[in-house]
PDB file of N, CA and C in Angstrom:
ATOM      1  N   MET A   1       8.120  -4.058 -15.234  1.00  0.00           N
ATOM      2  CA  MET A   1       6.841  -4.249 -14.133  1.00  0.00           C
ATOM      3  C   MET A   1       6.057  -5.384 -14.139  1.00  0.00           C
ATOM      4  N   CYS A   2       5.973  -6.055 -13.013  1.00  0.00           N
ATOM      5  CA  CYS A   2       5.338  -7.175 -13.082  1.00  0.00           C
ATOM      6  C   CYS A   2       3.553  -7.184 -13.239  1.00  0.00           C
ATOM      7  N   ASP A   3       3.202  -7.933 -14.168  1.00  0.00           N
ATOM      8  CA  ASP A   3       1.522  -7.476 -14.289  1.00  0.00           C
ATOM      9  C   ASP A   3       0.773  -8.749 -13.827  1.00  0.00           C
ATOM     10  N   THR A   4      -0.073  -8.753 -13.020  1.00  0.00           N
ATOM     11  CA  THR A   4      -1.028  -9.602 -12.571  1.00  0.00           C
ATOM     12  C   THR A   4      -2.208  -9.120 -12.674  1.00  0.00           C
ATOM     13  N   MET A   5      -2.969  -9.468 -13.895  1.00  0.00           N
ATOM     14  CA  MET A   5      -4.500  -8.995 -14.029  1.00  0.00           C
ATOM     15  C   MET A   5      -4.246  -7.505 -13.982  1.00  0.00           C
ATOM     16  N   ALA A   6      -5.232  -7.019 -12.885  1.00  0.00           N
ATOM     17  CA  ALA A   6      -5.421  -5.333 -12.494  1.00  0.00           C
ATOM     18  C   ALA A   6      -4.407  -5.314 -11.369  1.00  0.00           C
ATOM     19  N   TRP A   7      -3.125  -5.975 -10.857  1.00  0.00           N
ATOM     20  CA  TRP A   7      -2.317  -5.755  -9.851  1.00  0.00           C
ATOM     21  C   TRP A   7      -0.951  -5.660 -10.584  1.00  0.00           C
ATOM     22  N   LYS A   8      -0.285  -4.718 -10.282  1.00  0.00           N
ATOM     23  CA  LYS A   8       0.985  -4.323 -10.582  1.00  0.00           C
ATOM     24  C   LYS A   8       2.121  -4.260  -9.637  1.00  0.00           C
ATOM     25  N   ILE A   9       3.300  -4.540  -9.798  1.00  0.00           N
ATOM     26  CA  ILE A   9       4.227  -4.145  -9.053  1.00  0.00           C
ATOM     27  C   ILE A   9       5.348  -3.678  -9.526  1.00  0.00           C
ATOM     28  N   ASP A  10       6.099  -2.227  -9.196  1.00  0.00           N
ATOM     29  CA  ASP A  10       7.347  -2.176  -9.797  1.00  0.00           C
ATOM     30  C   ASP A  10       8.475  -2.267  -9.338  1.00  0.00           C
ATOM     31  N   LYS A  11       9.196  -3.626  -9.458  1.00  0.00           N
ATOM     32  CA  LYS A  11      10.307  -4.315  -8.685  1.00  0.00           C
ATOM     33  C   LYS A  11      11.279  -3.393  -8.371  1.00  0.00           C
ATOM     34  N   GLN A  12      11.638  -2.414  -9.235  1.00  0.00           N
ATOM     35  CA  GLN A  12      12.245  -1.246  -9.056  1.00  0.00           C
ATOM     36  C   GLN A  12      12.485  -0.491  -7.739  1.00  0.00           C
ATOM     37  N   LYS A  13      10.974  -0.039  -7.748  1.00  0.00           N
ATOM     38  CA  LYS A  13      10.666   0.639  -6.760  1.00  0.00           C
ATOM     39  C   LYS A  13      10.009   0.273  -5.209  1.00  0.00           C
ATOM     40  N   CYS A  14      10.264  -1.137  -5.297  1.00  0.00           N
ATOM     41  CA  CYS A  14       9.484  -1.782  -4.185  1.00  0.00           C
ATOM     42  C   CYS A  14      11.012  -1.761  -3.241  1.00  0.00           C
ATOM     43  N   LEU A  15      10.680  -1.184  -1.766  1.00  0.00           N
ATOM     44  CA  LEU A  15      11.664  -1.544  -0.802  1.00  0.00           C
ATOM     45  C   LEU A  15      11.601  -2.570  -0.178  1.00  0.00           C
ATOM     46  N   ARG A  16      11.092  -3.463  -0.333  1.00  0.00           N
ATOM     47  CA  ARG A  16      10.911  -4.773   0.290  1.00  0.00           C
ATOM     48  C   ARG A  16      10.681  -4.882   2.085  1.00  0.00           C
ATOM     49  N   CYS A  17       9.882  -3.666   2.555  1.00  0.00           N
ATOM     50  CA  CYS A  17       9.778  -3.359   3.618  1.00  0.00           C
ATOM     51  C   CYS A  17       8.418  -4.461   4.378  1.00  0.00           C
ATOM     52  N   GLY A  18       7.727  -4.415   3.126  1.00  0.00           N
ATOM     53  CA  GLY A  18       6.477  -5.676   4.065  1.00  0.00           C
ATOM     54  C   GLY A  18       5.297  -4.979   4.419  1.00  0.00           C
ATOM     55  N   ALA A  19       5.509  -3.768   4.270  1.00  0.00           N
ATOM     56  CA  ALA A  19       4.288  -3.122   4.496  1.00  0.00           C
ATOM     57  C   ALA A  19       3.047  -3.555   4.306  1.00  0.00           C
ATOM     58  N   CYS A  20       3.048  -3.678   2.948  1.00  0.00           N
ATOM     59  CA  CYS A  20       1.869  -4.078   1.988  1.00  0.00           C
ATOM     60  C   CYS A  20       1.299  -5.706   2.778  1.00  0.00           C
ATOM     61  N   VAL A  21       2.276  -6.564   2.779  1.00  0.00           N
ATOM     62  CA  VAL A  21       2.082  -7.750   3.268  1.00  0.00           C
ATOM     63  C   VAL A  21       1.482  -7.918   4.727  1.00  0.00           C
ATOM     64  N   SER A  22       1.506  -6.736   5.488  1.00  0.00           N
ATOM     65  CA  SER A  22       1.253  -7.140   6.891  1.00  0.00           C
ATOM     66  C   SER A  22      -0.056  -6.499   6.994  1.00  0.00           C
ATOM     67  N   VAL A  23      -0.676  -5.553   6.061  1.00  0.00           N
ATOM     68  CA  VAL A  23      -2.082  -5.122   6.119  1.00  0.00           C
ATOM     69  C   VAL A  23      -2.967  -5.731   5.103  1.00  0.00           C
ATOM     70  N   CYS A  24      -2.474  -6.983   4.464  1.00  0.00           N
ATOM     71  CA  CYS A  24      -3.598  -7.648   3.488  1.00  0.00           C
ATOM     72  C   CYS A  24      -4.540  -8.162   4.089  1.00  0.00           C
ATOM     73  N   PRO A  25      -5.752  -7.960   4.253  1.00  0.00           N
ATOM     74  CA  PRO A  25      -7.163  -8.882   4.766  1.00  0.00           C
ATOM     75  C   PRO A  25      -6.943  -9.926   4.373  1.00  0.00           C
ATOM     76  N   GLU A  26      -6.645 -10.409   2.789  1.00  0.00           N
ATOM     77  CA  GLU A  26      -6.897 -11.697   2.496  1.00  0.00           C
ATOM     78  C   GLU A  26      -5.493 -12.544   2.539  1.00  0.00           C
ATOM     79  N   LEU A  27      -4.548 -11.878   3.294  1.00  0.00           N
ATOM     80  CA  LEU A  27      -3.377 -12.734   3.132  1.00  0.00           C
ATOM     81  C   LEU A  27      -2.738 -13.395   1.983  1.00  0.00           C
ATOM     82  N   ALA A  28      -3.057 -12.329   0.775  1.00  0.00           N
ATOM     83  CA  ALA A  28      -2.581 -12.766  -0.480  1.00  0.00           C
ATOM     84  C   ALA A  28      -1.149 -12.289  -1.058  1.00  0.00           C
ATOM     85  N   LEU A  29      -0.477 -11.478  -0.211  1.00  0.00           N
ATOM     86  CA  LEU A  29       0.974 -11.086  -0.521  1.00  0.00           C
ATOM     87  C   LEU A  29       1.933 -11.909   0.114  1.00  0.00           C
ATOM     88  N   ASP A  30       2.860 -12.278  -0.348  1.00  0.00           N
ATOM     89  CA  ASP A  30       4.247 -12.837   0.276  1.00  0.00           C
ATOM     90  C   ASP A  30       5.407 -12.304  -0.327  1.00  0.00           C
ATOM     91  N   LEU A  31       6.143 -11.779   0.548  1.00  0.00           N
ATOM     92  CA  LEU A  31       7.601 -11.250   0.366  1.00  0.00           C
ATOM     93  C   LEU A  31       8.621 -12.333   0.503  1.00  0.00           C
ATOM     94  N   ARG A  32       9.192 -12.494  -0.660  1.00  0.00           N
ATOM     95  CA  ARG A  32       9.838 -14.015  -0.979  1.00  0.00           C
ATOM     96  C   ARG A  32      11.334 -13.162  -1.330  1.00  0.00           C
ATOM     97  N   GLU A  33      12.170 -13.932  -1.333  1.00  0.00           N
ATOM     98  CA  GLU A  33      13.636 -13.340  -1.918  1.00  0.00           C
ATOM     99  C   GLU A  33      13.929 -12.942  -3.077  1.00  0.00           C
ATOM    100  N   ASP A  34      12.833 -13.377  -4.224  1.00  0.00           N
ATOM    101  CA  ASP A  34      13.028 -13.134  -5.301  1.00  0.00           C
ATOM    102  C   ASP A  34      12.013 -11.597  -5.425  1.00  0.00           C
ATOM    103  N   GLY A  35      11.333 -11.393  -4.643  1.00  0.00           N
ATOM    104  CA  GLY A  35      10.209 -10.312  -4.829  1.00  0.00           C
ATOM    105  C   GLY A  35       9.035 -10.708  -4.188  1.00  0.00           C
ATOM    106  N   LEU A  36       8.175  -9.757  -4.168  1.00  0.00           N
ATOM    107  CA  LEU A  36       6.879  -9.729  -3.679  1.00  0.00           C
ATOM    108  C   LEU A  36       6.054 -10.321  -4.605  1.00  0.00           C
ATOM    109  N   LYS A  37       5.122 -11.402  -4.230  1.00  0.00           N
ATOM    110  CA  LYS A  37       4.033 -12.380  -4.886  1.00  0.00           C
ATOM    111  C   LYS A  37       2.674 -11.891  -4.464  1.00  0.00           C
ATOM    112  N   ASN A  38       1.825 -11.921  -5.270  1.00  0.00           N
ATOM    113  CA  ASN A  38       0.572 -11.838  -5.291  1.00  0.00           C
ATOM    114  C   ASN A  38      -0.292 -12.690  -5.261  1.00  0.00           C
ATOM    115  N   ASP A  39      -1.043 -13.458  -4.617  1.00  0.00           N
ATOM    116  CA  ASP A  39      -1.911 -14.801  -4.823  1.00  0.00           C
ATOM    117  C   ASP A  39      -3.111 -14.303  -5.588  1.00  0.00           C
ATOM    118  N   MET A  40      -3.434 -14.128  -6.668  1.00  0.00           N
ATOM    119  CA  MET A  40      -4.613 -13.436  -7.103  1.00  0.00           C
ATOM    120  C   MET A  40      -5.923 -14.545  -6.867  1.00  0.00           C
ATOM    121  N   LYS A  41      -5.909 -15.508  -6.556  1.00  0.00           N
ATOM    122  CA  LYS A  41      -6.896 -16.483  -6.216  1.00  0.00           C
ATOM    123  C   LYS A  41      -7.490 -15.872  -4.997  1.00  0.00           C
ATOM    124  N   LYS A  42      -6.596 -15.277  -3.933  1.00  0.00           N
ATOM    125  CA  LYS A  42      -7.157 -14.762  -2.828  1.00  0.00           C
ATOM    126  C   LYS A  42      -7.278 -13.234  -2.940  1.00  0.00           C
ATOM    127  N   CYS A  43      -6.570 -12.467  -3.448  1.00  0.00           N
ATOM    128  CA  CYS A  43      -6.819 -11.022  -3.824  1.00  0.00           C
ATOM    129  C   CYS A  43      -8.107 -10.814  -4.145  1.00  0.00           C
ATOM    130  N   THR A  44      -8.610  -9.488  -3.368  1.00  0.00           N
ATOM    131  CA  THR A  44      -9.962  -9.023  -3.804  1.00  0.00           C
ATOM    132  C   THR A  44      -9.769  -7.692  -4.669  1.00  0.00           C
ATOM    133  N   LEU A  45      -8.528  -7.206  -4.887  1.00  0.00           N
ATOM    134  CA  LEU A  45      -8.377  -5.687  -5.226  1.00  0.00           C
ATOM    135  C   LEU A  45      -8.744  -4.728  -4.597  1.00  0.00           C
ATOM    136  N   CYS A  46      -8.565  -4.627  -3.041  1.00  0.00           N
ATOM    137  CA  CYS A  46      -9.156  -3.944  -2.284  1.00  0.00           C
ATOM    138  C   CYS A  46      -8.292  -2.500  -2.352  1.00  0.00           C
ATOM    139  N   GLY A  47      -7.078  -2.598  -2.527  1.00  0.00           N
ATOM    140  CA  GLY A  47      -6.056  -1.309  -2.617  1.00  0.00           C
ATOM    141  C   GLY A  47      -5.302  -1.228  -1.448  1.00  0.00           C
ATOM    142  N   ILE A  48      -5.676  -1.960  -0.536  1.00  0.00           N
ATOM    143  CA  ILE A  48      -5.108  -1.300   0.741  1.00  0.00           C
ATOM    144  C   ILE A  48      -3.598  -1.259   0.938  1.00  0.00           C
ATOM    145  N   CYS A  49      -3.209  -2.528   0.078  1.00  0.00           N
ATOM    146  CA  CYS A  49      -1.619  -2.724  -0.415  1.00  0.00           C
ATOM    147  C   CYS A  49      -1.221  -1.319  -0.999  1.00  0.00           C
ATOM    148  N   GLU A  50      -1.541  -0.943  -1.949  1.00  0.00           N
ATOM    149  CA  GLU A  50      -1.421   0.189  -2.702  1.00  0.00           C
ATOM    150  C   GLU A  50      -1.419   1.686  -1.846  1.00  0.00           C
ATOM    151  N   ARG A  51      -2.250   1.812  -1.121  1.00  0.00           N
ATOM    152  CA  ARG A  51      -2.258   2.837   0.353  1.00  0.00           C
ATOM    153  C   ARG A  51      -1.186   3.017   0.956  1.00  0.00           C
ATOM    154  N   VAL A  52      -0.664   1.802   1.261  1.00  0.00           N
ATOM    155  CA  VAL A  52       0.290   1.440   2.719  1.00  0.00           C
ATOM    156  C   VAL A  52       1.667   1.871   1.889  1.00  0.00           C
ATOM    157  N   CYS A  53       1.943   1.454   0.595  1.00  0.00           N
ATOM    158  CA  CYS A  53       3.080   1.403  -0.147  1.00  0.00           C
ATOM    159  C   CYS A  53       3.988   2.829   0.022  1.00  0.00           C
ATOM    160  N   PRO A  54       5.065   2.898   0.794  1.00  0.00           N
ATOM    161  CA  PRO A  54       5.636   4.057   0.844  1.00  0.00           C
ATOM    162  C   PRO A  54       6.272   4.425  -0.247  1.00  0.00           C
ATOM    163  N   SER A  55       6.602   3.609  -1.097  1.00  0.00           N
ATOM    164  CA  SER A  55       7.598   4.143  -2.584  1.00  0.00           C
ATOM    165  C   SER A  55       6.784   3.867  -3.690  1.00  0.00           C
ATOM    166  N   ARG A  56       5.124   3.901  -3.265  1.00  0.00           N
ATOM    167  CA  ARG A  56       4.421   3.690  -4.436  1.00  0.00           C
ATOM    168  C   ARG A  56       4.669   2.856  -5.667  1.00  0.00           C
ATOM    169  N   ALA A  57       5.194   1.633  -5.283  1.00  0.00           N
ATOM    170  CA  ALA A  57       5.667   0.501  -5.997  1.00  0.00           C
ATOM    171  C   ALA A  57       4.104  -0.369  -6.563  1.00  0.00           C
ATOM    172  N   ILE A  58       3.224  -0.362  -6.132  1.00  0.00           N
ATOM    173  CA  ILE A  58       1.975  -1.154  -6.311  1.00  0.00           C
ATOM    174  C   ILE A  58       0.923  -0.256  -6.856  1.00  0.00           C
ATOM    175  N   GLU A  59       0.287  -0.909  -7.743  1.00  0.00           N
ATOM    176  CA  GLU A  59      -0.919  -0.236  -8.512  1.00  0.00           C
ATOM    177  C   GLU A  59      -1.593  -1.096  -8.679  1.00  0.00           C
ATOM    178  N   VAL A  60      -2.904  -0.753  -8.131  1.00  0.00           N
ATOM    179  CA  VAL A  60      -4.286  -1.727  -8.187  1.00  0.00           C
ATOM    180  C   VAL A  60      -5.480  -1.139  -8.972  1.00  0.00           C
ATOM    181  N   LYS A  61      -5.889  -1.657 -10.077  1.00  0.00           N
ATOM    182  CA  LYS A  61      -6.878  -1.261 -10.918  1.00  0.00           C
ATOM    183  C   LYS A  61      -8.041  -2.014 -10.831  1.00  0.00           C
ATOM    184  N   LYS A  62      -9.130  -1.442 -10.629  1.00  0.00           N
ATOM    185  CA  LYS A  62     -10.535  -2.033 -10.527  1.00  0.00           C
ATOM    186  C   LYS A  62     -11.105  -1.934 -11.802  1.00  0.00           C
TER     187      LYS A  62
END
């Protein structure tokens, strides 16, 4: 599991569907060939990405 402060992505669960990327209001997420990346300089830990993830691969802790 990749841990970036209070934001985590379980790469094994991630379907790479892009649902989280499309709803991020801060444009902090980027789906790349090597996986999902979160720009923590932009991320406000709002949790929208966690709520829309169909595989529950994202965890946001405030």
